[in-house]
Amino acid sequence: MRRGPADPREAARRAALNALRRTRRKAERAGVDLSDWEGEFLGSVETRIQTYGRAFGDPEKGAPGQALSALQHRKLKEIAAKASGEAPIPGRRFGHRRPGRSRRPEDSEGGDGQA
């Protein structure tokens, strides 16, 4: 018996729920103590996904058909890295660059990042 085409929103919802549960299990098995904020984050995001199918209300904060916003996904990856024992990279923050730095190497000739 053939199934119809899979619903991409339902697939994204299931994937996000599995990722949240996997991260929580990984932390429990490794004996890593998550902070109160991290535990509350995992619980509240899971509840919102189960209730609404996605964990954010503003459509500009995430891709269409995704269950987690970009920043929620980033935080989930950080918590998963903590659970697996990886050390965070110091000074590396999402979306922040040091002033005067250019993204492209060819623009760095002037040193001020302006062409």
Protein backbone atom coordinates (compact mmCIF):
# COMPACT_ATOMS: atom_id res chain seq x y z
CA MET A 1 0.00 0.00 0.00
CA ARG A 2 1.39 3.38 -0.98
CA ARG A 3 1.29 6.37 1.25
CA GLY A 4 0.54 9.83 0.00
CA PRO A 5 3.21 12.52 -0.08
CA ALA A 6 4.61 13.31 3.33
CA ASP A 7 3.54 16.56 4.93
CA PRO A 8 6.73 18.66 5.29
CA ARG A 9 5.40 20.53 8.34
CA GLU A 10 4.58 17.28 10.13
CA ALA A 11 8.03 15.92 9.26
CA ALA A 12 9.69 19.09 10.62
CA ARG A 13 7.59 18.84 13.78
CA ARG A 14 8.60 15.22 14.35
CA ALA A 15 12.26 15.98 13.63
CA ALA A 16 12.30 18.87 16.11
CA LEU A 17 10.59 16.81 18.82
CA ASN A 18 13.05 13.95 18.27
CA ALA A 19 16.01 16.36 18.45
CA LEU A 20 14.73 17.84 21.74
CA ARG A 21 14.19 14.40 23.27
CA ARG A 22 17.54 13.14 21.98
CA THR A 23 19.35 16.13 23.52
CA ARG A 24 17.63 15.65 26.89
CA ARG A 25 18.43 11.90 26.89
CA LYS A 26 22.04 12.55 25.92
CA ALA A 27 22.45 14.96 28.84
CA GLU A 28 20.85 12.51 31.29
CA ARG A 29 23.00 9.58 30.13
CA ALA A 30 26.21 11.62 30.26
CA GLY A 31 25.36 12.92 33.73
CA VAL A 32 25.59 16.54 32.56
CA ASP A 33 23.60 18.93 34.71
CA LEU A 34 21.65 21.32 32.54
CA SER A 35 20.97 24.73 34.00
CA ASP A 36 17.43 25.60 35.06
CA TRP A 37 17.13 27.80 31.99
CA GLU A 38 18.23 25.03 29.62
CA GLY A 39 15.81 22.52 31.13
CA GLU A 40 12.97 25.02 30.97
CA PHE A 41 13.91 25.90 27.37
CA LEU A 42 13.76 22.25 26.27
CA GLY A 43 10.43 21.72 28.04
CA SER A 44 8.73 24.88 26.82
CA VAL A 45 9.87 24.42 23.21
CA GLU A 46 8.64 20.81 23.25
CA THR A 47 5.25 21.90 24.63
CA ARG A 48 4.85 24.63 22.00
CA ILE A 49 5.73 22.25 19.18
CA GLN A 50 3.23 19.66 20.43
CA THR A 51 0.52 22.31 20.83
CA TYR A 52 1.03 24.53 17.78
CA GLY A 53 3.27 22.51 15.47
CA ARG A 54 6.04 25.09 15.75
CA ALA A 55 7.84 26.84 18.57
CA PHE A 56 7.77 30.43 17.33
CA GLY A 57 5.03 32.81 16.33
CA ASP A 58 6.78 35.32 14.08
CA PRO A 59 7.16 33.81 10.58
CA GLU A 60 10.21 36.01 9.91
CA LYS A 61 12.20 34.23 12.64
CA GLY A 62 12.30 30.89 10.90
CA ALA A 63 12.04 29.23 7.55
CA PRO A 64 8.59 28.28 6.27
CA GLY A 65 7.68 24.76 7.27
CA GLN A 66 10.25 24.60 10.07
CA ALA A 67 9.30 23.90 13.69
CA LEU A 68 12.20 25.80 15.31
CA SER A 69 13.37 29.35 14.70
CA ALA A 70 16.99 29.91 13.73
CA LEU A 71 17.99 30.99 17.24
CA GLN A 72 16.08 28.14 18.89
CA HIS A 73 17.91 25.72 16.61
CA ARG A 74 21.22 27.33 17.53
CA LYS A 75 20.50 27.05 21.28
CA LEU A 76 19.47 23.42 20.85
CA LYS A 77 22.81 22.72 19.15
CA GLU A 78 24.66 24.46 22.01
CA ILE A 79 22.81 22.38 24.63
CA ALA A 80 23.51 19.20 22.63
CA ALA A 81 27.21 20.10 22.47
CA LYS A 82 27.25 20.66 26.24
CA ALA A 83 25.54 17.29 26.76
CA SER A 84 28.12 15.51 24.61
CA GLY A 85 30.98 17.14 26.54
CA GLU A 86 32.25 19.46 23.83
CA ALA A 87 33.79 22.67 25.12
CA PRO A 88 32.18 25.87 23.83
CA ILE A 89 34.32 28.02 21.60
CA PRO A 90 35.22 31.14 23.64
CA GLY A 91 34.39 34.49 22.13
CA ARG A 92 32.34 33.04 19.29
CA ARG A 93 28.83 34.37 19.29
CA PHE A 94 26.11 33.92 16.73
CA GLY A 95 25.66 36.95 14.51
CA HIS A 96 28.42 39.07 16.02
CA ARG A 97 31.62 40.06 14.27
CA ARG A 98 34.47 42.12 15.53
CA PRO A 99 34.45 45.68 14.17
CA GLY A 100 36.76 46.31 11.26
CA ARG A 101 36.64 42.73 10.05
CA SER A 102 35.43 41.93 6.58
CA ARG A 103 33.74 38.74 5.49
CA ARG A 104 35.54 38.62 2.17
CA PRO A 105 39.34 38.49 2.03
CA GLU A 106 39.54 40.78 -1.02
CA ASP A 107 37.93 43.61 0.95
CA SER A 108 40.54 43.49 3.71
CA GLU A 109 43.13 45.48 1.70
CA GLY A 110 41.99 48.80 3.17
CA GLY A 111 41.75 47.46 6.71
CA ASP A 112 38.53 49.32 7.49
CA GLY A 113 36.21 46.87 5.70
CA GLN A 114 34.96 49.44 3.20
CA ALA A 115 35.64 49.28 -0.51
